[in-house]
Amino acid sequence: MEATKRSLQSLARRHQALTAEIDQLEAAIAELCAQANPALLGAVGVGFDVAATLLVAAGDNPERMKTEASFAALCAASPVEASSGKIVRHRLNQGGNRQANNALWRIAMVRLSCDPRTRDYAARRRAEGKTEREILRCLKRYIAREIHQLLVNPPPVPNGPALRTARTSAGLTLTDVAEVLGTWPTRISELERGITHNTELATRYQHWLASHQAA
């Protein structure tokens, strides 16, 4: 009984140590991604793990980043013709970087669950007779186009700490900002501290602050 107890205690300590190490590594990866390409990390559905996968795929294959079509092929998101007679179909591309392809899949799944534009697009494609797999392949192709632009020509992203400084200088609270932008104070706080990244929200925040200060 005593030996079992000690073994369990040892396993628990090992679990805690490994969990802490994982947390540290994940935080380091997230910081590196934010430094390398904040616009990519701020795209809808792109977490630090997805961003890291795409950055590595792009860095390992710079010769295949010349066009968005070549990047889509790299990510195995380019369509492969599989039509028959009057039926036009495309099948899964089995080539390319499978990890990058999985990253695009994860972005698509997140957007299908929470992004209104993506859900509206999927609904339109279903009405056209597309299957769920075909819709997902189309989404990955469009996402590959967006990601390529973010990799080769990333737009400037408002800096979280700078937004916080501007807010406090204007005498505004997190609640004031959250009510105007239609979100939660905790989300604004996380954005300011760099815990979460959202280019669309940060840009709206910046524009509203500028208009508020000019008023």
Protein backbone atom coordinates (compact mmCIF):
# COMPACT_ATOMS: atom_id res chain seq x y z
CA MET A 1 0.00 0.00 0.00
CA GLU A 2 2.80 2.41 0.93
CA ALA A 3 4.67 1.62 -2.28
CA THR A 4 1.55 2.34 -4.33
CA LYS A 5 1.06 5.65 -2.54
CA ARG A 6 4.64 6.71 -3.22
CA SER A 7 4.35 5.71 -6.86
CA LEU A 8 1.21 7.78 -7.27
CA GLN A 9 2.86 10.76 -5.59
CA SER A 10 5.84 10.43 -7.92
CA LEU A 11 3.57 10.27 -10.96
CA ALA A 12 1.63 13.31 -9.76
CA ARG A 13 4.83 15.35 -9.33
CA ARG A 14 6.01 14.25 -12.77
CA HIS A 15 2.68 15.25 -14.28
CA GLN A 16 2.84 18.68 -12.67
CA ALA A 17 6.41 19.22 -13.86
CA LEU A 18 5.62 18.18 -17.43
CA THR A 19 2.47 20.34 -17.47
CA ALA A 20 4.47 23.36 -16.32
CA GLU A 21 7.10 22.67 -18.99
CA ILE A 22 4.42 22.39 -21.68
CA ASP A 23 2.86 25.68 -20.57
CA GLN A 24 6.25 27.41 -20.75
CA LEU A 25 6.96 26.07 -24.22
CA GLU A 26 3.51 27.03 -25.49
CA ALA A 27 3.93 30.54 -24.12
CA ALA A 28 7.31 30.83 -25.83
CA ILE A 29 5.89 29.63 -29.15
CA ALA A 30 2.98 32.07 -28.89
CA GLU A 31 5.39 34.95 -28.21
CA LEU A 32 7.58 33.99 -31.18
CA CYS A 33 4.55 33.83 -33.49
CA ALA A 34 3.37 37.24 -32.29
CA GLN A 35 6.81 38.69 -33.00
CA ALA A 36 7.16 37.00 -36.39
CA ASN A 37 3.72 37.75 -37.81
CA PRO A 38 1.07 39.35 -35.58
CA ALA A 39 -1.33 39.68 -38.53
CA LEU A 40 -1.32 35.91 -39.07
CA LEU A 41 -1.88 35.24 -35.39
CA GLY A 42 -4.73 37.75 -35.38
CA ALA A 43 -6.69 36.11 -38.19
CA VAL A 44 -9.97 34.42 -37.32
CA GLY A 45 -9.43 30.82 -36.28
CA VAL A 46 -5.62 31.04 -36.09
CA GLY A 47 -4.17 30.07 -32.74
CA PHE A 48 -0.48 30.02 -31.91
CA ASP A 49 -0.14 26.33 -32.77
CA VAL A 50 -1.76 26.79 -36.19
CA ALA A 51 0.30 29.93 -36.81
CA ALA A 52 3.51 28.11 -35.89
CA THR A 53 2.70 25.26 -38.29
CA LEU A 54 2.05 27.64 -41.18
CA LEU A 55 5.12 29.76 -40.47
CA VAL A 56 7.32 26.66 -40.42
CA ALA A 57 5.77 25.36 -43.66
CA ALA A 58 6.36 28.71 -45.36
CA GLY A 59 9.90 29.03 -44.02
CA ASP A 60 10.86 25.55 -45.12
CA ASN A 61 9.56 26.17 -48.66
CA PRO A 62 10.30 29.79 -49.66
CA GLU A 63 10.52 28.80 -53.32
CA ARG A 64 6.84 27.74 -53.22
CA MET A 65 5.58 31.07 -51.82
CA LYS A 66 5.74 33.07 -55.08
CA THR A 67 1.98 32.90 -55.74
CA GLU A 68 -1.07 32.03 -53.70
CA ALA A 69 -1.67 29.08 -56.04
CA SER A 70 1.77 27.65 -55.26
CA PHE A 71 1.15 28.10 -51.55
CA ALA A 72 -2.21 26.32 -51.88
CA ALA A 73 -0.43 23.45 -53.63
CA LEU A 74 2.14 23.37 -50.82
CA CYS A 75 -0.70 23.01 -48.33
CA ALA A 76 -2.47 20.38 -50.47
CA ALA A 77 -5.42 22.76 -50.79
CA SER A 78 -5.38 23.02 -54.58
CA PRO A 79 -8.27 21.16 -56.25
CA VAL A 80 -7.69 17.96 -58.20
CA GLU A 81 -10.06 17.41 -61.12
CA ALA A 82 -12.33 14.37 -60.73
CA SER A 83 -15.23 15.22 -63.04
CA SER A 84 -17.23 12.62 -64.92
CA GLY A 85 -19.54 13.45 -67.81
CA LYS A 86 -21.74 16.40 -66.84
CA ILE A 87 -20.87 16.10 -63.16
CA VAL A 88 -18.12 18.49 -62.11
CA ARG A 89 -16.25 17.28 -59.04
CA HIS A 90 -12.87 17.73 -57.39
CA ARG A 91 -11.18 15.28 -55.07
CA LEU A 92 -8.80 15.52 -52.15
CA ASN A 93 -5.22 16.45 -52.94
CA GLN A 94 -3.06 13.78 -51.27
CA GLY A 95 0.21 15.66 -51.82
CA GLY A 96 1.76 18.67 -50.17
CA ASN A 97 2.47 19.42 -46.53
CA ARG A 98 -0.08 17.48 -44.51
CA GLN A 99 0.55 19.47 -41.33
CA ALA A 100 -0.13 22.72 -43.18
CA ASN A 101 -3.24 21.16 -44.67
CA ASN A 102 -4.41 20.20 -41.20
CA ALA A 103 -3.79 23.78 -40.06
CA LEU A 104 -6.10 25.06 -42.82
CA TRP A 105 -8.69 22.44 -41.81
CA ARG A 106 -8.58 23.64 -38.20
CA ILE A 107 -9.06 27.25 -39.28
CA ALA A 108 -12.02 26.24 -41.45
CA MET A 109 -13.66 24.28 -38.63
CA VAL A 110 -13.32 27.18 -36.18
CA ARG A 111 -14.78 29.61 -38.70
CA LEU A 112 -17.67 27.28 -39.50
CA SER A 113 -18.54 27.30 -35.80
CA CYS A 114 -18.29 31.02 -35.07
CA ASP A 115 -17.70 33.19 -38.16
CA PRO A 116 -20.95 34.48 -39.75
CA ARG A 117 -19.42 35.03 -43.20
CA THR A 118 -18.06 31.49 -43.34
CA ARG A 119 -21.35 30.01 -42.21
CA ASP A 120 -23.26 32.03 -44.81
CA TYR A 121 -20.84 30.86 -47.51
CA ALA A 122 -21.30 27.23 -46.46
CA ALA A 123 -25.07 27.64 -46.56
CA ARG A 124 -24.93 29.03 -50.09
CA ARG A 125 -22.75 26.17 -51.28
CA ARG A 126 -25.09 23.60 -49.72
CA ALA A 127 -27.98 25.20 -51.61
CA GLU A 128 -25.95 24.65 -54.80
CA GLY A 129 -25.76 20.93 -54.05
CA LYS A 130 -22.21 20.78 -52.69
CA THR A 131 -21.38 18.12 -50.12
CA GLU A 132 -19.81 18.95 -46.77
CA ARG A 133 -16.45 17.60 -47.93
CA GLU A 134 -16.58 19.71 -51.07
CA ILE A 135 -17.49 22.80 -49.07
CA LEU A 136 -14.59 22.18 -46.72
CA ARG A 137 -12.18 21.82 -49.64
CA CYS A 138 -13.43 25.11 -51.07
CA LEU A 139 -13.01 26.81 -47.71
CA LYS A 140 -9.45 25.56 -47.35
CA ARG A 141 -8.61 26.91 -50.79
CA TYR A 142 -9.96 30.37 -49.91
CA ILE A 143 -8.21 30.30 -46.54
CA ALA A 144 -4.93 29.37 -48.25
CA ARG A 145 -5.28 32.50 -50.39
CA GLU A 146 -5.83 34.63 -47.29
CA ILE A 147 -2.96 33.04 -45.37
CA HIS A 148 -0.58 33.53 -48.31
CA GLN A 149 -1.26 37.27 -48.26
CA LEU A 150 -0.73 37.42 -44.51
CA LEU A 151 2.59 35.61 -44.90
CA VAL A 152 4.06 37.58 -47.81
CA ASN A 153 2.46 40.98 -47.20
CA PRO A 154 1.15 41.18 -43.62
CA PRO A 155 -0.81 44.35 -42.80
CA PRO A 156 0.05 46.40 -39.71
CA VAL A 157 -1.73 45.26 -36.56
CA PRO A 158 -2.60 47.64 -33.70
CA ASN A 159 -0.39 47.08 -30.68
CA GLY A 160 -2.24 45.90 -27.56
CA PRO A 161 -0.20 47.83 -24.95
CA ALA A 162 -0.48 50.98 -27.10
CA LEU A 163 -4.26 50.59 -27.17
CA ARG A 164 -4.29 50.23 -23.40
CA THR A 165 -2.19 53.37 -22.97
CA ALA A 166 -4.50 55.35 -25.25
CA ARG A 167 -7.57 54.06 -23.41
CA THR A 168 -6.32 54.93 -19.95
CA SER A 169 -5.10 58.34 -21.15
CA ALA A 170 -8.63 59.03 -22.38
CA GLY A 171 -10.06 58.02 -19.01
CA LEU A 172 -11.97 55.07 -20.45
CA THR A 173 -12.62 51.79 -18.68
CA LEU A 174 -12.58 48.30 -20.16
CA THR A 175 -16.36 48.25 -19.80
CA ASP A 176 -16.69 51.49 -21.79
CA VAL A 177 -14.74 50.01 -24.69
CA ALA A 178 -16.42 46.60 -24.52
CA GLU A 179 -19.92 48.11 -24.68
CA VAL A 180 -19.08 50.13 -27.77
CA LEU A 181 -17.35 47.25 -29.58
CA GLY A 182 -19.98 44.68 -28.62
CA THR A 183 -17.76 42.32 -26.65
CA TRP A 184 -16.71 41.50 -23.08
CA PRO A 185 -14.32 43.56 -20.89
CA THR A 186 -12.18 40.47 -20.30
CA ARG A 187 -11.73 40.09 -24.06
CA ILE A 188 -10.53 43.69 -24.37
CA SER A 189 -8.17 43.16 -21.43
CA GLU A 190 -6.70 40.00 -23.00
CA LEU A 191 -6.27 41.85 -26.29
CA GLU A 192 -4.42 44.70 -24.60
CA ARG A 193 -2.13 42.32 -22.71
CA GLY A 194 -1.36 40.20 -25.77
CA ILE A 195 -2.98 37.09 -24.34
CA THR A 196 -5.32 36.84 -27.32
CA HIS A 197 -4.92 38.22 -30.84
CA ASN A 198 -7.72 39.47 -33.07
CA THR A 199 -6.81 41.83 -35.90
CA GLU A 200 -10.42 42.72 -36.72
CA LEU A 201 -11.26 43.62 -33.12
CA ALA A 202 -7.97 45.46 -32.56
CA THR A 203 -8.50 47.53 -35.72
CA ARG A 204 -12.04 48.49 -34.70
CA TYR A 205 -10.73 49.34 -31.24
CA GLN A 206 -8.02 51.58 -32.70
CA HIS A 207 -10.41 53.38 -35.06
CA TRP A 208 -12.93 53.98 -32.28
CA LEU A 209 -10.27 55.37 -29.96
CA ALA A 210 -9.09 57.73 -32.69
CA SER A 211 -12.63 58.99 -33.32
CA HIS A 212 -13.28 59.32 -29.59
CA GLN A 213 -10.14 61.38 -29.09
CA ALA A 214 -10.98 63.59 -32.08
CA ALA A 215 -14.50 64.27 -30.80
